[in-house]
N, C-alpha and C. Protein backbone atom coordinates (compact mmCIF):
# COMPACT_ATOMS: atom_id res chain seq x y z
N UNK A 1 104.21 85.52 97.67
CA UNK A 1 104.97 86.55 97.02
C UNK A 1 106.42 86.45 97.47
N UNK A 2 107.33 86.41 96.53
CA UNK A 2 108.75 86.28 96.82
C UNK A 2 109.40 87.66 96.82
N UNK A 3 109.71 88.18 97.98
CA UNK A 3 110.34 89.49 98.08
C UNK A 3 111.75 89.33 98.61
N UNK A 4 112.55 90.39 98.48
CA UNK A 4 113.92 90.35 99.01
C UNK A 4 113.92 90.06 100.50
N UNK A 5 112.93 90.56 101.21
CA UNK A 5 112.86 90.36 102.65
C UNK A 5 112.68 88.89 103.01
N UNK A 6 112.02 88.12 102.16
CA UNK A 6 111.72 86.73 102.47
C UNK A 6 112.83 85.76 102.08
N UNK A 7 113.79 86.19 101.31
CA UNK A 7 114.86 85.31 100.84
C UNK A 7 116.07 85.41 101.76
N UNK A 8 116.30 84.39 102.55
CA UNK A 8 117.47 84.39 103.42
C UNK A 8 118.72 84.13 102.59
N UNK A 9 119.81 84.76 102.94
CA UNK A 9 121.10 84.57 102.28
C UNK A 9 121.02 84.84 100.79
N UNK A 10 120.24 85.79 100.39
CA UNK A 10 120.06 86.07 98.97
C UNK A 10 120.95 87.21 98.50
N UNK A 11 121.83 87.71 99.35
CA UNK A 11 122.68 88.81 98.96
C UNK A 11 121.91 90.10 98.79
N UNK A 12 120.97 90.35 99.70
CA UNK A 12 120.11 91.52 99.57
C UNK A 12 120.89 92.82 99.57
N UNK A 13 121.94 92.90 100.37
CA UNK A 13 122.75 94.11 100.40
C UNK A 13 123.37 94.38 99.04
N UNK A 14 124.01 93.38 98.49
CA UNK A 14 124.67 93.55 97.19
C UNK A 14 123.67 93.77 96.07
N UNK A 15 122.52 93.11 96.13
CA UNK A 15 121.48 93.33 95.11
C UNK A 15 121.01 94.78 95.13
N UNK A 16 120.81 95.32 96.31
CA UNK A 16 120.33 96.69 96.44
C UNK A 16 121.40 97.68 95.99
N UNK A 17 122.65 97.43 96.38
CA UNK A 17 123.74 98.30 95.96
C UNK A 17 123.89 98.26 94.44
N UNK A 18 123.76 97.07 93.85
CA UNK A 18 123.85 96.94 92.39
C UNK A 18 122.73 97.73 91.71
N UNK A 19 121.53 97.68 92.27
CA UNK A 19 120.41 98.45 91.71
C UNK A 19 120.70 99.94 91.77
N UNK A 20 121.19 100.42 92.91
CA UNK A 20 121.49 101.85 93.06
C UNK A 20 122.62 102.26 92.11
N UNK A 21 123.61 101.40 91.93
CA UNK A 21 124.69 101.67 90.98
C UNK A 21 124.19 101.73 89.55
N UNK A 22 123.28 100.82 89.22
CA UNK A 22 122.67 100.81 87.89
C UNK A 22 121.87 102.09 87.64
N UNK A 23 121.06 102.47 88.61
CA UNK A 23 120.26 103.69 88.47
C UNK A 23 121.16 104.91 88.25
N UNK A 24 122.27 104.96 88.97
CA UNK A 24 123.19 106.10 88.83
C UNK A 24 123.93 106.06 87.49
N UNK A 25 124.49 104.91 87.15
CA UNK A 25 125.35 104.81 85.96
C UNK A 25 124.60 104.82 84.64
N UNK A 26 123.49 104.10 84.59
CA UNK A 26 122.80 103.93 83.31
C UNK A 26 121.57 104.81 83.14
N UNK A 27 120.96 105.19 84.24
CA UNK A 27 119.74 106.00 84.16
C UNK A 27 119.94 107.44 84.61
N UNK A 28 121.11 107.73 85.17
CA UNK A 28 121.38 109.09 85.63
C UNK A 28 120.61 109.49 86.87
N UNK A 29 120.11 108.53 87.61
CA UNK A 29 119.36 108.80 88.84
C UNK A 29 120.30 108.60 90.02
N UNK A 30 120.88 109.68 90.46
CA UNK A 30 121.88 109.62 91.53
C UNK A 30 121.27 109.76 92.92
N UNK A 31 119.99 110.06 93.01
CA UNK A 31 119.38 110.14 94.33
C UNK A 31 118.77 111.50 94.55
N UNK A 32 118.41 111.81 95.76
CA UNK A 32 118.72 111.05 96.96
C UNK A 32 117.88 109.78 97.11
N UNK A 33 118.45 108.78 97.74
CA UNK A 33 117.78 107.52 98.03
C UNK A 33 117.81 107.31 99.54
N UNK A 34 116.88 106.55 100.04
CA UNK A 34 116.85 106.20 101.46
C UNK A 34 116.81 104.69 101.58
N UNK A 35 117.78 104.14 102.29
CA UNK A 35 117.84 102.70 102.56
C UNK A 35 117.75 102.53 104.06
N UNK A 36 116.80 101.75 104.52
CA UNK A 36 116.62 101.54 105.96
C UNK A 36 117.09 100.12 106.29
N UNK A 37 118.02 100.03 107.23
CA UNK A 37 118.60 98.74 107.61
C UNK A 37 118.59 98.59 109.12
N UNK A 38 118.64 97.35 109.61
CA UNK A 38 118.77 97.15 111.06
C UNK A 38 120.12 97.69 111.55
N UNK A 39 120.16 98.15 112.80
CA UNK A 39 121.39 98.72 113.35
C UNK A 39 122.53 97.71 113.32
N UNK A 40 122.22 96.44 113.37
CA UNK A 40 123.27 95.41 113.41
C UNK A 40 124.05 95.30 112.10
N UNK A 41 123.54 95.83 110.99
CA UNK A 41 124.24 95.71 109.71
C UNK A 41 124.64 97.05 109.10
N UNK A 42 124.50 98.14 109.84
CA UNK A 42 124.77 99.45 109.26
C UNK A 42 126.25 99.61 108.88
N UNK A 43 127.16 99.07 109.69
CA UNK A 43 128.58 99.15 109.36
C UNK A 43 128.87 98.33 108.11
N UNK A 44 128.23 97.18 107.97
CA UNK A 44 128.38 96.35 106.78
C UNK A 44 127.94 97.11 105.54
N UNK A 45 126.82 97.83 105.64
CA UNK A 45 126.31 98.61 104.51
C UNK A 45 127.32 99.67 104.09
N UNK A 46 127.85 100.40 105.05
CA UNK A 46 128.84 101.43 104.72
C UNK A 46 130.06 100.83 104.03
N UNK A 47 130.54 99.71 104.53
CA UNK A 47 131.70 99.04 103.95
C UNK A 47 131.42 98.57 102.53
N UNK A 48 130.27 97.92 102.33
CA UNK A 48 129.92 97.39 101.01
C UNK A 48 129.68 98.51 99.99
N UNK A 49 129.08 99.61 100.42
CA UNK A 49 128.87 100.74 99.51
C UNK A 49 130.20 101.31 99.03
N UNK A 50 131.14 101.49 99.95
CA UNK A 50 132.45 102.01 99.58
C UNK A 50 133.19 101.04 98.66
N UNK A 51 132.99 99.77 98.88
CA UNK A 51 133.70 98.75 98.10
C UNK A 51 133.14 98.61 96.68
N UNK A 52 131.81 98.52 96.54
CA UNK A 52 131.20 98.21 95.26
C UNK A 52 130.72 99.43 94.47
N UNK A 53 130.39 100.53 95.14
CA UNK A 53 129.94 101.75 94.44
C UNK A 53 130.58 102.96 95.09
N UNK A 54 131.89 103.13 94.92
CA UNK A 54 132.56 104.25 95.59
C UNK A 54 132.09 105.62 95.09
N UNK A 55 131.42 105.67 93.94
CA UNK A 55 130.92 106.93 93.42
C UNK A 55 129.68 107.43 94.13
N UNK A 56 128.99 106.56 94.87
CA UNK A 56 127.81 106.98 95.62
C UNK A 56 128.25 107.58 96.96
N UNK A 57 127.64 108.68 97.31
CA UNK A 57 127.94 109.33 98.58
C UNK A 57 126.93 108.85 99.61
N UNK A 58 127.42 108.23 100.67
CA UNK A 58 126.51 107.68 101.68
C UNK A 58 126.57 108.50 102.96
N UNK A 59 125.42 108.68 103.56
CA UNK A 59 125.30 109.35 104.84
C UNK A 59 124.63 108.37 105.80
N UNK A 60 125.32 108.06 106.87
CA UNK A 60 124.74 107.17 107.88
C UNK A 60 123.91 108.01 108.83
N UNK A 61 122.60 107.84 108.76
CA UNK A 61 121.66 108.64 109.56
C UNK A 61 121.33 107.86 110.82
N UNK A 62 122.16 108.04 111.83
CA UNK A 62 122.02 107.29 113.07
C UNK A 62 122.61 108.12 114.20
N UNK A 63 121.99 108.08 115.35
CA UNK A 63 122.51 108.80 116.51
C UNK A 63 121.40 109.43 117.32
N UNK A 64 121.80 110.33 118.19
CA UNK A 64 120.83 111.02 119.04
C UNK A 64 119.98 111.97 118.19
N UNK A 65 118.92 112.49 118.78
CA UNK A 65 118.05 113.42 118.06
C UNK A 65 118.84 114.65 117.61
N UNK A 66 119.73 115.13 118.46
CA UNK A 66 120.55 116.30 118.11
C UNK A 66 121.47 115.97 116.93
N UNK A 67 122.09 114.81 116.97
CA UNK A 67 122.99 114.40 115.90
C UNK A 67 122.23 114.22 114.57
N UNK A 68 121.05 113.61 114.63
CA UNK A 68 120.27 113.42 113.41
C UNK A 68 119.83 114.76 112.81
N UNK A 69 119.52 115.73 113.68
CA UNK A 69 119.16 117.06 113.18
C UNK A 69 120.33 117.69 112.44
N UNK A 70 121.53 117.54 112.98
CA UNK A 70 122.73 118.06 112.31
C UNK A 70 122.94 117.38 110.96
N UNK A 71 122.68 116.09 110.89
CA UNK A 71 122.87 115.33 109.64
C UNK A 71 121.89 115.75 108.55
N UNK A 72 120.72 116.24 108.94
CA UNK A 72 119.71 116.62 107.95
C UNK A 72 120.05 117.89 107.17
N UNK A 73 121.02 118.66 107.63
CA UNK A 73 121.44 119.86 106.90
C UNK A 73 122.02 119.43 105.55
N UNK A 74 121.48 119.97 104.48
CA UNK A 74 121.95 119.62 103.14
C UNK A 74 121.46 118.29 102.63
N UNK A 75 120.38 117.79 103.20
CA UNK A 75 119.87 116.46 102.87
C UNK A 75 119.34 116.33 101.45
N UNK A 76 119.05 117.41 100.79
CA UNK A 76 118.45 117.34 99.46
C UNK A 76 119.48 117.33 98.34
N UNK A 77 120.74 117.20 98.66
CA UNK A 77 121.78 117.18 97.63
C UNK A 77 121.61 115.98 96.71
N UNK A 78 121.76 116.20 95.42
CA UNK A 78 121.68 115.11 94.45
C UNK A 78 122.88 114.20 94.66
N UNK A 79 122.64 112.91 94.54
CA UNK A 79 123.72 111.94 94.67
C UNK A 79 123.93 111.46 96.09
N UNK A 80 123.07 111.87 96.99
CA UNK A 80 123.22 111.46 98.38
C UNK A 80 122.41 110.21 98.64
N UNK A 81 123.04 109.21 99.18
CA UNK A 81 122.37 107.98 99.58
C UNK A 81 122.37 107.95 101.09
N UNK A 82 121.22 107.85 101.68
CA UNK A 82 121.12 107.82 103.12
C UNK A 82 120.86 106.40 103.58
N UNK A 83 121.73 105.91 104.45
CA UNK A 83 121.54 104.60 105.06
C UNK A 83 121.09 104.88 106.49
N UNK A 84 119.86 104.53 106.77
CA UNK A 84 119.26 104.83 108.06
C UNK A 84 119.09 103.54 108.85
N UNK A 85 119.42 103.58 110.11
CA UNK A 85 119.29 102.41 110.96
C UNK A 85 117.93 102.39 111.64
N UNK A 86 117.46 101.21 111.95
CA UNK A 86 116.19 101.09 112.66
C UNK A 86 116.33 100.05 113.75
N UNK A 87 115.45 100.15 114.71
CA UNK A 87 115.39 99.16 115.78
C UNK A 87 114.04 98.46 115.69
N UNK A 88 114.01 97.21 116.11
CA UNK A 88 112.74 96.48 116.08
C UNK A 88 112.54 95.76 114.78
N UNK A 89 111.30 95.42 114.50
CA UNK A 89 110.95 94.63 113.34
C UNK A 89 110.21 95.48 112.33
N UNK A 90 110.60 95.35 111.07
CA UNK A 90 109.88 96.01 109.99
C UNK A 90 108.87 95.02 109.46
N UNK A 91 107.60 95.38 109.51
CA UNK A 91 106.55 94.45 109.07
C UNK A 91 106.25 94.64 107.61
């Protein structure tokens, strides 16, 4: 099975951002969406989202337990894209 996870250097970030932009622009589905990425690429995700889909509102859900609790206030707003960082391996 050929999945985005298995394709190295396939532009997965841009493919996913393009899909989210398509859903918002053509289907009217603005979110909320949840994208889970490794902590090593979370800054890249924020940069690419602002560059290619500035109309999407992104919330970086990362930090201490107290900080994450503060971020969850208003989480159900339409049009909110949450980029969440993870540690370890996603199987």
